[in-house]
Each structure stands twice: as structure tokens, then as C-alpha cells.
PDB file of N, CA and C in Angstrom:
ATOM      1  N   MET A   1     -25.691   7.238  -7.487  1.00  0.00           N
ATOM      2  CA  MET A   1     -24.283   7.485  -6.725  1.00  0.00           C
ATOM      3  C   MET A   1     -23.758   6.211  -7.033  1.00  0.00           C
ATOM      4  N   LEU A   2     -24.451   4.957  -6.790  1.00  0.00           N
ATOM      5  CA  LEU A   2     -23.824   3.717  -7.332  1.00  0.00           C
ATOM      6  C   LEU A   2     -23.301   3.494  -8.663  1.00  0.00           C
ATOM      7  N   ARG A   3     -24.155   4.162  -9.550  1.00  0.00           N
ATOM      8  CA  ARG A   3     -23.969   4.117 -11.114  1.00  0.00           C
ATOM      9  C   ARG A   3     -22.396   4.814 -11.138  1.00  0.00           C
ATOM     10  N   GLN A   4     -22.423   6.089 -10.444  1.00  0.00           N
ATOM     11  CA  GLN A   4     -21.242   6.764 -10.330  1.00  0.00           C
ATOM     12  C   GLN A   4     -20.043   5.877  -9.932  1.00  0.00           C
ATOM     13  N   LEU A   5     -20.092   5.430  -8.993  1.00  0.00           N
ATOM     14  CA  LEU A   5     -19.065   4.701  -8.160  1.00  0.00           C
ATOM     15  C   LEU A   5     -18.349   3.325  -8.916  1.00  0.00           C
ATOM     16  N   ASP A   6     -19.713   2.957  -9.752  1.00  0.00           N
ATOM     17  CA  ASP A   6     -19.012   1.716 -10.308  1.00  0.00           C
ATOM     18  C   ASP A   6     -18.374   1.923 -11.838  1.00  0.00           C
ATOM     19  N   THR A   7     -18.044   3.570 -11.967  1.00  0.00           N
ATOM     20  CA  THR A   7     -17.342   3.499 -13.032  1.00  0.00           C
ATOM     21  C   THR A   7     -15.891   3.943 -12.798  1.00  0.00           C
ATOM     22  N   PHE A   8     -15.485   3.684 -11.698  1.00  0.00           N
ATOM     23  CA  PHE A   8     -14.085   4.093 -11.088  1.00  0.00           C
ATOM     24  C   PHE A   8     -13.504   2.454 -11.140  1.00  0.00           C
ATOM     25  N   PRO A   9     -12.552   2.315 -11.784  1.00  0.00           N
ATOM     26  CA  PRO A   9     -11.627   0.808 -11.513  1.00  0.00           C
ATOM     27  C   PRO A   9     -11.402   0.347 -10.083  1.00  0.00           C
ATOM     28  N   LEU A  10     -11.056   1.384  -9.142  1.00  0.00           N
ATOM     29  CA  LEU A  10     -10.726   1.212  -7.884  1.00  0.00           C
ATOM     30  C   LEU A  10     -11.824   0.440  -7.347  1.00  0.00           C
ATOM     31  N   VAL A  11     -13.150   1.073  -7.324  1.00  0.00           N
ATOM     32  CA  VAL A  11     -14.411   0.630  -7.058  1.00  0.00           C
ATOM     33  C   VAL A  11     -14.956  -0.521  -7.604  1.00  0.00           C
ATOM     34  N   GLN A  12     -14.784  -0.493  -8.724  1.00  0.00           N
ATOM     35  CA  GLN A  12     -15.319  -2.049  -9.372  1.00  0.00           C
ATOM     36  C   GLN A  12     -14.356  -2.951  -8.815  1.00  0.00           C
ATOM     37  N   PHE A  13     -12.870  -2.931  -8.466  1.00  0.00           N
ATOM     38  CA  PHE A  13     -12.446  -4.064  -7.996  1.00  0.00           C
ATOM     39  C   PHE A  13     -12.794  -4.490  -6.715  1.00  0.00           C
ATOM     40  N   LEU A  14     -12.927  -3.123  -5.809  1.00  0.00           N
ATOM     41  CA  LEU A  14     -13.570  -3.528  -4.703  1.00  0.00           C
ATOM     42  C   LEU A  14     -14.798  -3.985  -4.376  1.00  0.00           C
ATOM     43  N   LEU A  15     -15.477  -3.899  -5.537  1.00  0.00           N
ATOM     44  CA  LEU A  15     -17.029  -4.192  -5.395  1.00  0.00           C
ATOM     45  C   LEU A  15     -17.221  -6.129  -5.676  1.00  0.00           C
ATOM     46  N   HIS A  16     -15.992  -6.179  -6.769  1.00  0.00           N
ATOM     47  CA  HIS A  16     -15.983  -7.472  -7.449  1.00  0.00           C
ATOM     48  C   HIS A  16     -15.501  -8.414  -6.457  1.00  0.00           C
ATOM     49  N   ASN A  17     -14.252  -7.893  -5.851  1.00  0.00           N
ATOM     50  CA  ASN A  17     -13.576  -8.819  -4.936  1.00  0.00           C
ATOM     51  C   ASN A  17     -13.830  -8.626  -3.328  1.00  0.00           C
ATOM     52  N   ARG A  18     -14.592  -7.858  -3.216  1.00  0.00           N
ATOM     53  CA  ARG A  18     -15.014  -7.550  -1.613  1.00  0.00           C
ATOM     54  C   ARG A  18     -13.858  -7.207  -1.016  1.00  0.00           C
ATOM     55  N   GLY A  19     -12.591  -6.373  -1.517  1.00  0.00           N
ATOM     56  CA  GLY A  19     -11.652  -6.009  -0.787  1.00  0.00           C
ATOM     57  C   GLY A  19     -10.666  -5.602  -1.989  1.00  0.00           C
ATOM     58  N   LEU A  20      -9.450  -5.051  -1.271  1.00  0.00           N
ATOM     59  CA  LEU A  20      -8.297  -4.765  -2.180  1.00  0.00           C
ATOM     60  C   LEU A  20      -7.281  -5.701  -2.238  1.00  0.00           C
ATOM     61  N   ASN A  21      -6.683  -5.880  -3.288  1.00  0.00           N
ATOM     62  CA  ASN A  21      -5.371  -6.557  -3.473  1.00  0.00           C
ATOM     63  C   ASN A  21      -4.265  -5.236  -3.036  1.00  0.00           C
ATOM     64  N   GLY A  22      -2.950  -5.993  -3.301  1.00  0.00           N
ATOM     65  CA  GLY A  22      -1.729  -5.105  -2.795  1.00  0.00           C
ATOM     66  C   GLY A  22      -1.645  -4.005  -3.816  1.00  0.00           C
ATOM     67  N   GLU A  23      -2.011  -3.753  -5.071  1.00  0.00           N
ATOM     68  CA  GLU A  23      -1.832  -3.377  -5.836  1.00  0.00           C
ATOM     69  C   GLU A  23      -2.714  -1.948  -5.476  1.00  0.00           C
ATOM     70  N   TRP A  24      -4.123  -2.333  -5.069  1.00  0.00           N
ATOM     71  CA  TRP A  24      -4.933  -1.085  -5.077  1.00  0.00           C
ATOM     72  C   TRP A  24      -4.823  -0.488  -3.530  1.00  0.00           C
ATOM     73  N   THR A  25      -4.270  -1.548  -2.444  1.00  0.00           N
ATOM     74  CA  THR A  25      -3.828  -0.620  -1.368  1.00  0.00           C
ATOM     75  C   THR A  25      -2.721   0.057  -1.310  1.00  0.00           C
ATOM     76  N   ASP A  26      -2.113  -0.280  -2.217  1.00  0.00           N
ATOM     77  CA  ASP A  26      -0.793   0.522  -2.615  1.00  0.00           C
ATOM     78  C   ASP A  26      -0.983   1.726  -3.169  1.00  0.00           C
ATOM     79  N   TYR A  27      -2.159   1.886  -4.080  1.00  0.00           N
ATOM     80  CA  TYR A  27      -2.656   3.069  -4.655  1.00  0.00           C
ATOM     81  C   TYR A  27      -3.358   3.766  -3.931  1.00  0.00           C
ATOM     82  N   VAL A  28      -4.260   3.463  -2.958  1.00  0.00           N
ATOM     83  CA  VAL A  28      -5.022   4.203  -1.961  1.00  0.00           C
ATOM     84  C   VAL A  28      -4.204   4.868  -1.128  1.00  0.00           C
ATOM     85  N   ILE A  29      -3.060   4.128  -0.566  1.00  0.00           N
ATOM     86  CA  ILE A  29      -2.249   4.723   0.788  1.00  0.00           C
ATOM     87  C   ILE A  29      -1.308   5.624   0.040  1.00  0.00           C
ATOM     88  N   ARG A  30      -0.364   5.114  -0.982  1.00  0.00           N
ATOM     89  CA  ARG A  30       0.571   5.934  -1.383  1.00  0.00           C
ATOM     90  C   ARG A  30       0.550   6.825  -2.527  1.00  0.00           C
ATOM     91  N   ARG A  31       0.058   6.225  -3.676  1.00  0.00           N
ATOM     92  CA  ARG A  31       0.095   6.657  -4.997  1.00  0.00           C
ATOM     93  C   ARG A  31      -1.178   7.477  -5.249  1.00  0.00           C
ATOM     94  N   GLY A  32      -2.591   7.294  -4.707  1.00  0.00           N
ATOM     95  CA  GLY A  32      -3.380   7.909  -4.955  1.00  0.00           C
ATOM     96  C   GLY A  32      -3.688   9.581  -4.595  1.00  0.00           C
ATOM     97  N   PRO A  33      -2.951   9.764  -3.510  1.00  0.00           N
ATOM     98  CA  PRO A  33      -3.230  11.187  -3.301  1.00  0.00           C
ATOM     99  C   PRO A  33      -2.163  12.054  -4.250  1.00  0.00           C
ATOM    100  N   VAL A  34      -1.679  11.532  -5.033  1.00  0.00           N
ATOM    101  CA  VAL A  34      -0.888  12.268  -5.865  1.00  0.00           C
ATOM    102  C   VAL A  34      -1.395  12.398  -7.345  1.00  0.00           C
ATOM    103  N   GLU A  35      -2.455  11.544  -7.278  1.00  0.00           N
ATOM    104  CA  GLU A  35      -3.134  11.302  -8.793  1.00  0.00           C
ATOM    105  C   GLU A  35      -3.874  12.792  -9.069  1.00  0.00           C
ATOM    106  N   ALA A  36      -3.430  13.181 -10.508  1.00  0.00           N
ATOM    107  CA  ALA A  36      -4.419  14.354 -11.087  1.00  0.00           C
ATOM    108  C   ALA A  36      -5.537  13.999 -11.365  1.00  0.00           C
ATOM    109  N   ASN A  37      -6.410  14.995 -11.810  1.00  0.00           N
ATOM    110  CA  ASN A  37      -7.625  14.779 -12.774  1.00  0.00           C
ATOM    111  C   ASN A  37      -8.594  13.699 -12.162  1.00  0.00           C
ATOM    112  N   LEU A  38      -8.752  13.842 -11.116  1.00  0.00           N
ATOM    113  CA  LEU A  38      -9.779  12.999 -10.162  1.00  0.00           C
ATOM    114  C   LEU A  38     -11.161  13.569 -10.338  1.00  0.00           C
ATOM    115  N   SER A  39     -11.992  12.923 -10.508  1.00  0.00           N
ATOM    116  CA  SER A  39     -13.656  13.504 -10.417  1.00  0.00           C
ATOM    117  C   SER A  39     -13.830  13.742  -8.722  1.00  0.00           C
ATOM    118  N   PRO A  40     -14.758  14.553  -8.494  1.00  0.00           N
ATOM    119  CA  PRO A  40     -15.135  14.924  -7.237  1.00  0.00           C
ATOM    120  C   PRO A  40     -15.383  13.676  -6.105  1.00  0.00           C
ATOM    121  N   LEU A  41     -15.690  12.505  -7.035  1.00  0.00           N
ATOM    122  CA  LEU A  41     -16.202  11.385  -6.163  1.00  0.00           C
ATOM    123  C   LEU A  41     -14.912  10.629  -6.035  1.00  0.00           C
ATOM    124  N   GLU A  42     -13.925  10.413  -6.885  1.00  0.00           N
ATOM    125  CA  GLU A  42     -12.659   9.942  -6.786  1.00  0.00           C
ATOM    126  C   GLU A  42     -12.011  10.591  -5.611  1.00  0.00           C
ATOM    127  N   HIS A  43     -11.910  11.901  -5.809  1.00  0.00           N
ATOM    128  CA  HIS A  43     -11.177  12.776  -5.005  1.00  0.00           C
ATOM    129  C   HIS A  43     -11.837  12.653  -3.518  1.00  0.00           C
ATOM    130  N   PHE A  44     -12.936  12.336  -3.229  1.00  0.00           N
ATOM    131  CA  PHE A  44     -13.260  12.160  -1.817  1.00  0.00           C
ATOM    132  C   PHE A  44     -13.105  10.894  -1.520  1.00  0.00           C
ATOM    133  N   LEU A  45     -13.292   9.741  -2.181  1.00  0.00           N
ATOM    134  CA  LEU A  45     -12.589   8.522  -2.095  1.00  0.00           C
ATOM    135  C   LEU A  45     -11.144   8.458  -1.487  1.00  0.00           C
ATOM    136  N   ILE A  46     -10.501   9.358  -2.273  1.00  0.00           N
ATOM    137  CA  ILE A  46      -8.879   8.964  -1.916  1.00  0.00           C
ATOM    138  C   ILE A  46      -8.569  10.308  -0.880  1.00  0.00           C
ATOM    139  N   HIS A  47      -8.957  11.273  -0.914  1.00  0.00           N
ATOM    140  CA  HIS A  47      -8.704  12.375   0.128  1.00  0.00           C
ATOM    141  C   HIS A  47      -9.282  12.347   1.409  1.00  0.00           C
ATOM    142  N   GLU A  48     -10.595  11.960   1.181  1.00  0.00           N
ATOM    143  CA  GLU A  48     -11.658  12.284   2.327  1.00  0.00           C
ATOM    144  C   GLU A  48     -12.196  11.420   3.346  1.00  0.00           C
ATOM    145  N   ALA A  49     -12.091   9.920   2.419  1.00  0.00           N
ATOM    146  CA  ALA A  49     -13.148   8.942   3.006  1.00  0.00           C
ATOM    147  C   ALA A  49     -12.271   8.384   4.398  1.00  0.00           C
ATOM    148  N   PRO A  50     -13.275   8.594   5.457  1.00  0.00           N
ATOM    149  CA  PRO A  50     -12.435   7.994   6.653  1.00  0.00           C
ATOM    150  C   PRO A  50     -12.062   6.819   6.762  1.00  0.00           C
ATOM    151  N   VAL A  51     -12.362   5.722   6.102  1.00  0.00           N
ATOM    152  CA  VAL A  51     -11.332   4.545   6.054  1.00  0.00           C
ATOM    153  C   VAL A  51     -10.284   4.870   5.219  1.00  0.00           C
ATOM    154  N   VAL A  52     -10.112   5.418   4.218  1.00  0.00           N
ATOM    155  CA  VAL A  52      -9.050   5.598   3.695  1.00  0.00           C
ATOM    156  C   VAL A  52      -8.177   6.435   4.682  1.00  0.00           C
ATOM    157  N   LEU A  53      -8.596   7.390   5.178  1.00  0.00           N
ATOM    158  CA  LEU A  53      -7.347   8.413   6.135  1.00  0.00           C
ATOM    159  C   LEU A  53      -7.155   7.490   7.094  1.00  0.00           C
ATOM    160  N   ALA A  54      -8.019   6.896   7.792  1.00  0.00           N
ATOM    161  CA  ALA A  54      -7.489   5.945   9.127  1.00  0.00           C
ATOM    162  C   ALA A  54      -6.338   4.963   8.401  1.00  0.00           C
ATOM    163  N   THR A  55      -6.631   4.212   7.324  1.00  0.00           N
ATOM    164  CA  THR A  55      -5.568   3.401   6.589  1.00  0.00           C
ATOM    165  C   THR A  55      -4.277   4.153   6.404  1.00  0.00           C
ATOM    166  N   ARG A  56      -4.392   5.057   5.866  1.00  0.00           N
ATOM    167  CA  ARG A  56      -3.192   6.017   5.602  1.00  0.00           C
ATOM    168  C   ARG A  56      -2.536   6.445   6.621  1.00  0.00           C
ATOM    169  N   GLU A  57      -3.238   6.873   7.992  1.00  0.00           N
ATOM    170  CA  GLU A  57      -2.571   7.105   9.060  1.00  0.00           C
ATOM    171  C   GLU A  57      -1.898   6.062   9.733  1.00  0.00           C
ATOM    172  N   ARG A  58      -2.724   5.014   9.765  1.00  0.00           N
ATOM    173  CA  ARG A  58      -2.075   3.695  10.386  1.00  0.00           C
ATOM    174  C   ARG A  58      -0.821   3.304   9.547  1.00  0.00           C
ATOM    175  N   ALA A  59      -0.897   3.322   8.448  1.00  0.00           N
ATOM    176  CA  ALA A  59       0.687   3.202   7.497  1.00  0.00           C
ATOM    177  C   ALA A  59       1.706   3.928   7.777  1.00  0.00           C
ATOM    178  N   GLY A  60       1.260   5.142   8.010  1.00  0.00           N
ATOM    179  CA  GLY A  60       2.484   6.175   8.754  1.00  0.00           C
ATOM    180  C   GLY A  60       2.748   5.918  10.079  1.00  0.00           C
ATOM    181  N   ILE A  61       1.841   5.317  11.171  1.00  0.00           N
ATOM    182  CA  ILE A  61       2.305   5.178  12.004  1.00  0.00           C
ATOM    183  C   ILE A  61       3.170   3.710  12.360  1.00  0.00           C
ATOM    184  N   PHE A  62       2.747   2.830  11.451  1.00  0.00           N
ATOM    185  CA  PHE A  62       3.698   1.312  11.569  1.00  0.00           C
ATOM    186  C   PHE A  62       5.245   1.781  10.745  1.00  0.00           C
ATOM    187  N   LYS A  63       5.022   2.666   9.666  1.00  0.00           N
ATOM    188  CA  LYS A  63       6.368   2.942   9.154  1.00  0.00           C
ATOM    189  C   LYS A  63       7.428   3.757  10.291  1.00  0.00           C
ATOM    190  N   GLU A  64       6.608   4.551  10.763  1.00  0.00           N
ATOM    191  CA  GLU A  64       7.494   5.096  12.097  1.00  0.00           C
ATOM    192  C   GLU A  64       8.035   4.375  13.054  1.00  0.00           C
ATOM    193  N   LYS A  65       7.191   3.421  13.460  1.00  0.00           N
ATOM    194  CA  LYS A  65       7.553   2.174  14.406  1.00  0.00           C
ATOM    195  C   LYS A  65       8.523   1.470  13.750  1.00  0.00           C
ATOM    196  N   LEU A  66       8.516   1.038  12.793  1.00  0.00           N
ATOM    197  CA  LEU A  66       9.433  -0.030  11.927  1.00  0.00           C
ATOM    198  C   LEU A  66      10.568   0.858  11.636  1.00  0.00           C
ATOM    199  N   GLN A  67      10.622   1.873  11.446  1.00  0.00           N
ATOM    200  CA  GLN A  67      11.990   2.794  11.055  1.00  0.00           C
ATOM    201  C   GLN A  67      12.940   2.520  12.289  1.00  0.00           C
ATOM    202  N   LYS A  68      12.190   2.835  13.456  1.00  0.00           N
ATOM    203  CA  LYS A  68      13.367   2.504  14.842  1.00  0.00           C
ATOM    204  C   LYS A  68      14.036   1.042  14.687  1.00  0.00           C
ATOM    205  N   LEU A  69      13.266   0.132  14.279  1.00  0.00           N
ATOM    206  CA  LEU A  69      13.758  -1.128  14.428  1.00  0.00           C
ATOM    207  C   LEU A  69      14.935  -1.506  13.067  1.00  0.00           C
ATOM    208  N   VAL A  70      15.017  -0.676  12.364  1.00  0.00           N
ATOM    209  CA  VAL A  70      15.894  -0.932  11.077  1.00  0.00           C
ATOM    210  C   VAL A  70      17.610  -0.756  12.037  1.00  0.00           C
ATOM    211  N   GLN A  71      18.170  -2.023  11.731  1.00  0.00           N
ATOM    212  CA  GLN A  71      19.457  -2.052  12.060  1.00  0.00           C
ATOM    213  C   GLN A  71      20.417  -3.098  11.369  1.00  0.00           C
ATOM    214  N   ASP A  72      21.916  -3.417  11.381  1.00  0.00           N
ATOM    215  CA  ASP A  72      22.168  -4.240  10.767  1.00  0.00           C
ATOM    216  C   ASP A  72      21.844  -5.757  11.214  1.00  0.00           C
ATOM    217  N   GLY A  73      21.400  -6.530  10.344  1.00  0.00           N
ATOM    218  CA  GLY A  73      21.417  -7.808  10.522  1.00  0.00           C
ATOM    219  C   GLY A  73      19.760  -8.175  10.884  1.00  0.00           C
ATOM    220  N   VAL A  74      18.690  -7.121  10.608  1.00  0.00           N
ATOM    221  CA  VAL A  74      17.472  -7.351  10.973  1.00  0.00           C
ATOM    222  C   VAL A  74      16.645  -8.101   9.725  1.00  0.00           C
ATOM    223  N   HIS A  75      15.966  -8.991  10.134  1.00  0.00           N
ATOM    224  CA  HIS A  75      15.169  -9.401   9.348  1.00  0.00           C
ATOM    225  C   HIS A  75      13.852  -9.316   9.807  1.00  0.00           C
ATOM    226  N   MET A  76      12.993  -8.432   8.879  1.00  0.00           N
ATOM    227  CA  MET A  76      11.568  -8.095   9.053  1.00  0.00           C
ATOM    228  C   MET A  76      10.849  -8.867   8.010  1.00  0.00           C
ATOM    229  N   ALA A  77       9.512  -9.013   8.290  1.00  0.00           N
ATOM    230  CA  ALA A  77       8.265  -9.673   7.378  1.00  0.00           C
ATOM    231  C   ALA A  77       6.935  -8.690   7.496  1.00  0.00           C
ATOM    232  N   SER A  78       6.513  -8.948   6.186  1.00  0.00           N
ATOM    233  CA  SER A  78       5.384  -8.227   6.171  1.00  0.00           C
ATOM    234  C   SER A  78       4.350  -9.158   5.867  1.00  0.00           C
ATOM    235  N   LEU A  79       2.960  -9.104   6.651  1.00  0.00           N
ATOM    236  CA  LEU A  79       2.150 -10.326   6.083  1.00  0.00           C
ATOM    237  C   LEU A  79       0.757  -9.760   6.495  1.00  0.00           C
ATOM    238  N   PRO A  80      -0.097  -9.727   5.486  1.00  0.00           N
ATOM    239  CA  PRO A  80      -0.037 -10.065   4.179  1.00  0.00           C
ATOM    240  C   PRO A  80       0.883  -8.728   3.908  1.00  0.00           C
ATOM    241  N   CYS A  81       2.021  -8.864   2.609  1.00  0.00           N
ATOM    242  CA  CYS A  81       2.639  -8.445   2.021  1.00  0.00           C
ATOM    243  C   CYS A  81       2.245  -7.158   1.360  1.00  0.00           C
ATOM    244  N   GLY A  82       0.987  -7.520   0.478  1.00  0.00           N
ATOM    245  CA  GLY A  82       0.859  -6.526  -0.791  1.00  0.00           C
ATOM    246  C   GLY A  82       2.061  -6.431  -1.517  1.00  0.00           C
ATOM    247  N   MET A  83       2.397  -4.748  -1.743  1.00  0.00           N
ATOM    248  CA  MET A  83       3.497  -4.544  -2.650  1.00  0.00           C
ATOM    249  C   MET A  83       4.642  -4.440  -1.621  1.00  0.00           C
ATOM    250  N   MET A  84       4.592  -4.610  -0.263  1.00  0.00           N
ATOM    251  CA  MET A  84       5.559  -4.451   0.937  1.00  0.00           C
ATOM    252  C   MET A  84       6.087  -3.075   0.801  1.00  0.00           C
ATOM    253  N   ASP A  85       4.893  -1.898   0.464  1.00  0.00           N
ATOM    254  CA  ASP A  85       5.381  -0.658   0.960  1.00  0.00           C
ATOM    255  C   ASP A  85       6.007  -0.545   2.092  1.00  0.00           C
ATOM    256  N   ASP A  86       5.222  -1.194   3.258  1.00  0.00           N
ATOM    257  CA  ASP A  86       5.386  -1.018   4.672  1.00  0.00           C
ATOM    258  C   ASP A  86       6.980  -1.298   4.729  1.00  0.00           C
ATOM    259  N   LEU A  87       7.715  -2.094   4.137  1.00  0.00           N
ATOM    260  CA  LEU A  87       9.099  -2.435   4.548  1.00  0.00           C
ATOM    261  C   LEU A  87       9.768  -1.722   3.325  1.00  0.00           C
ATOM    262  N   LEU A  88       9.351  -1.576   2.081  1.00  0.00           N
ATOM    263  CA  LEU A  88      10.094  -1.186   0.988  1.00  0.00           C
ATOM    264  C   LEU A  88      10.409   0.417   1.123  1.00  0.00           C
ATOM    265  N   SER A  89       9.570   1.068   1.927  1.00  0.00           N
ATOM    266  CA  SER A  89       9.572   2.537   2.033  1.00  0.00           C
ATOM    267  C   SER A  89      10.544   3.079   3.139  1.00  0.00           C
ATOM    268  N   LEU A  90      11.065   1.852   3.876  1.00  0.00           N
ATOM    269  CA  LEU A  90      11.842   2.571   5.098  1.00  0.00           C
ATOM    270  C   LEU A  90      13.358   2.672   4.327  1.00  0.00           C
ATOM    271  N   ASN A  91      13.961   3.581   5.291  1.00  0.00           N
ATOM    272  CA  ASN A  91      15.242   4.007   4.855  1.00  0.00           C
ATOM    273  C   ASN A  91      16.346   2.761   5.649  1.00  0.00           C
ATOM    274  N   PHE A  92      17.213   2.167   4.745  1.00  0.00           N
ATOM    275  CA  PHE A  92      18.113   1.331   4.811  1.00  0.00           C
ATOM    276  C   PHE A  92      19.347   1.985   4.738  1.00  0.00           C
ATOM    277  N   LYS A  93      19.781   3.193   4.453  1.00  0.00           N
ATOM    278  CA  LYS A  93      20.986   3.647   4.284  1.00  0.00           C
ATOM    279  C   LYS A  93      21.808   3.488   5.444  1.00  0.00           C
ATOM    280  N   GLY A  94      22.790   2.693   5.121  1.00  0.00           N
ATOM    281  CA  GLY A  94      24.089   2.712   6.082  1.00  0.00           C
ATOM    282  C   GLY A  94      23.659   1.246   7.104  1.00  0.00           C
ATOM    283  N   VAL A  95      22.999   0.355   6.584  1.00  0.00           N
ATOM    284  CA  VAL A  95      22.561  -0.946   7.046  1.00  0.00           C
ATOM    285  C   VAL A  95      22.478  -1.734   5.872  1.00  0.00           C
ATOM    286  N   PRO A  96      23.995  -2.544   5.979  1.00  0.00           N
ATOM    287  CA  PRO A  96      24.383  -3.130   4.925  1.00  0.00           C
ATOM    288  C   PRO A  96      23.774  -4.475   4.907  1.00  0.00           C
ATOM    289  N   ASN A  97      23.302  -4.947   6.034  1.00  0.00           N
ATOM    290  CA  ASN A  97      22.612  -6.778   6.037  1.00  0.00           C
ATOM    291  C   ASN A  97      21.394  -6.563   6.862  1.00  0.00           C
ATOM    292  N   VAL A  98      20.306  -6.752   5.654  1.00  0.00           N
ATOM    293  CA  VAL A  98      18.587  -6.619   5.941  1.00  0.00           C
ATOM    294  C   VAL A  98      18.230  -7.677   5.098  1.00  0.00           C
ATOM    295  N   THR A  99      17.168  -8.427   5.729  1.00  0.00           N
ATOM    296  CA  THR A  99      16.415  -9.508   5.132  1.00  0.00           C
ATOM    297  C   THR A  99      15.099  -8.955   5.122  1.00  0.00           C
ATOM    298  N   LEU A 100      14.244  -9.116   4.057  1.00  0.00           N
ATOM    299  CA  LEU A 100      12.706  -8.733   4.130  1.00  0.00           C
ATOM    300  C   LEU A 100      12.093  -9.757   3.356  1.00  0.00           C
ATOM    301  N   THR A 101      11.074 -10.321   4.281  1.00  0.00           N
ATOM    302  CA  THR A 101      10.355 -11.221   3.685  1.00  0.00           C
ATOM    303  C   THR A 101       8.817 -11.056   3.511  1.00  0.00           C
ATOM    304  N   GLY A 102       8.191 -11.229   2.502  1.00  0.00           N
ATOM    305  CA  GLY A 102       6.637 -10.678   2.357  1.00  0.00           C
ATOM    306  C   GLY A 102       6.232 -12.196   1.996  1.00  0.00           C
ATOM    307  N   ILE A 103       5.016 -12.366   2.631  1.00  0.00           N
ATOM    308  CA  ILE A 103       3.995 -13.559   2.389  1.00  0.00           C
ATOM    309  C   ILE A 103       2.791 -13.005   2.130  1.00  0.00           C
ATOM    310  N   ASP A 104       1.907 -13.360   0.950  1.00  0.00           N
ATOM    311  CA  ASP A 104       0.622 -13.009   0.682  1.00  0.00           C
ATOM    312  C   ASP A 104       0.204 -14.180  -0.066  1.00  0.00           C
ATOM    313  N   LEU A 105      -1.555 -14.067  -0.044  1.00  0.00           N
ATOM    314  CA  LEU A 105      -2.056 -15.058  -0.795  1.00  0.00           C
ATOM    315  C   LEU A 105      -2.489 -14.450  -2.081  1.00  0.00           C
ATOM    316  N   ASP A 106      -2.292 -13.137  -2.087  1.00  0.00           N
ATOM    317  CA  ASP A 106      -2.671 -12.180  -3.328  1.00  0.00           C
ATOM    318  C   ASP A 106      -1.697 -12.850  -4.394  1.00  0.00           C
ATOM    319  N   GLN A 107      -2.109 -13.427  -5.400  1.00  0.00           N
ATOM    320  CA  GLN A 107      -1.355 -13.892  -6.614  1.00  0.00           C
ATOM    321  C   GLN A 107      -0.774 -12.552  -7.425  1.00  0.00           C
ATOM    322  N   GLN A 108      -1.692 -11.385  -7.830  1.00  0.00           N
ATOM    323  CA  GLN A 108      -1.137 -10.636  -8.198  1.00  0.00           C
ATOM    324  C   GLN A 108       0.186  -9.701  -7.455  1.00  0.00           C
ATOM    325  N   SER A 109      -0.219  -9.818  -6.142  1.00  0.00           N
ATOM    326  CA  SER A 109       1.065  -9.040  -5.547  1.00  0.00           C
ATOM    327  C   SER A 109       2.324 -10.070  -5.736  1.00  0.00           C
ATOM    328  N   GLN A 110       2.399 -11.444  -5.635  1.00  0.00           N
ATOM    329  CA  GLN A 110       3.635 -12.092  -5.805  1.00  0.00           C
ATOM    330  C   GLN A 110       4.008 -11.950  -7.019  1.00  0.00           C
ATOM    331  N   ILE A 111       3.318 -11.719  -8.403  1.00  0.00           N
ATOM    332  CA  ILE A 111       3.525 -11.384  -9.555  1.00  0.00           C
ATOM    333  C   ILE A 111       4.274 -10.165  -9.644  1.00  0.00           C
ATOM    334  N   LEU A 112       3.780  -9.112  -9.138  1.00  0.00           N
ATOM    335  CA  LEU A 112       4.293  -7.478  -9.377  1.00  0.00           C
ATOM    336  C   LEU A 112       5.352  -7.160  -8.530  1.00  0.00           C
ATOM    337  N   LEU A 113       5.712  -8.013  -7.171  1.00  0.00           N
ATOM    338  CA  LEU A 113       6.393  -7.553  -6.136  1.00  0.00           C
ATOM    339  C   LEU A 113       8.068  -7.731  -6.807  1.00  0.00           C
ATOM    340  N   PRO A 114       8.367  -8.678  -7.550  1.00  0.00           N
ATOM    341  CA  PRO A 114      10.080  -8.835  -7.854  1.00  0.00           C
ATOM    342  C   PRO A 114      10.115  -7.762  -8.833  1.00  0.00           C
ATOM    343  N   ASN A 115       9.111  -7.011  -9.294  1.00  0.00           N
ATOM    344  CA  ASN A 115       9.680  -5.698 -10.265  1.00  0.00           C
ATOM    345  C   ASN A 115       9.724  -4.649  -9.624  1.00  0.00           C
ATOM    346  N   ILE A 116       9.307  -4.314  -8.400  1.00  0.00           N
ATOM    347  CA  ILE A 116       9.710  -3.291  -7.508  1.00  0.00           C
ATOM    348  C   ILE A 116      10.908  -2.947  -6.981  1.00  0.00           C
ATOM    349  N   LYS A 117      11.229  -1.940  -7.542  1.00  0.00           N
ATOM    350  CA  LYS A 117      12.274  -1.489  -6.848  1.00  0.00           C
ATOM    351  C   LYS A 117      12.686  -0.089  -6.226  1.00  0.00           C
ATOM    352  N   ARG A 118      12.754  -0.162  -4.722  1.00  0.00           N
ATOM    353  CA  ARG A 118      12.511   1.026  -4.047  1.00  0.00           C
ATOM    354  C   ARG A 118      13.461   1.172  -3.237  1.00  0.00           C
ATOM    355  N   LEU A 119      14.341   0.230  -2.826  1.00  0.00           N
ATOM    356  CA  LEU A 119      15.578   0.248  -1.685  1.00  0.00           C
ATOM    357  C   LEU A 119      16.530   1.125  -2.232  1.00  0.00           C
TER     358      LEU A 119
END
């Protein structure tokens, strides 16, 4: 089973880095559930693994709570920000003055983040 796990880029990254960066966290929480052509093991990791389901549920709860705080003049921060999906996925329609700040030690996230346009 370990050999099979080591064939997936997600697991390779996780084992090599002892954790996930912003890009992989974004994949697991937001993009992974819509991926097609997953092997049975990948499907389990993305759709059934308790740690992933708990992380996805927690992200949903945070999003719900944060959305209630969106108002004109709000300054929101994400730390560690990763791909800032926690803030960039919020609905800011009708809220003209919003400041978002992202802080993360993950260099990859800092490089990719300016290229994300979700607002």
C-alpha cells in the first residue's frame, strides 16, 4: 500500500515535506473533490479520509463565519494564507472597500498568490 501511495503527487509532496503547502491544501479542500479519473486510493484520500473531511468541514465553517463579517471598510487577514481561499472565496458584491492581507512562510504560495483572481 505504501508503494501505491507514493505514486500520487499529493502523497509524494506530503511525505517529502511533512505537510502540505498552500497549493496542495487548496487542492484537497477545494479542487480535489471535482477531479475526475482518480484511482480508488486517490478517491479515498480526497473523498473519504477523515482528516480531509474534517479539514473541508472546518473550512466551510470558517467561510460561513467570515462571510458574516464582510462589510464596507473591513480588513481581513489570512495566516498562514496559502492560496487565500478562505478570503478570496467570500462574496464581496456590494462591498466597495475591502482590504485582504495574506501572510505565509510558504514561498510557493507567495509566488502563486498574485496570479489568483477570484474576486
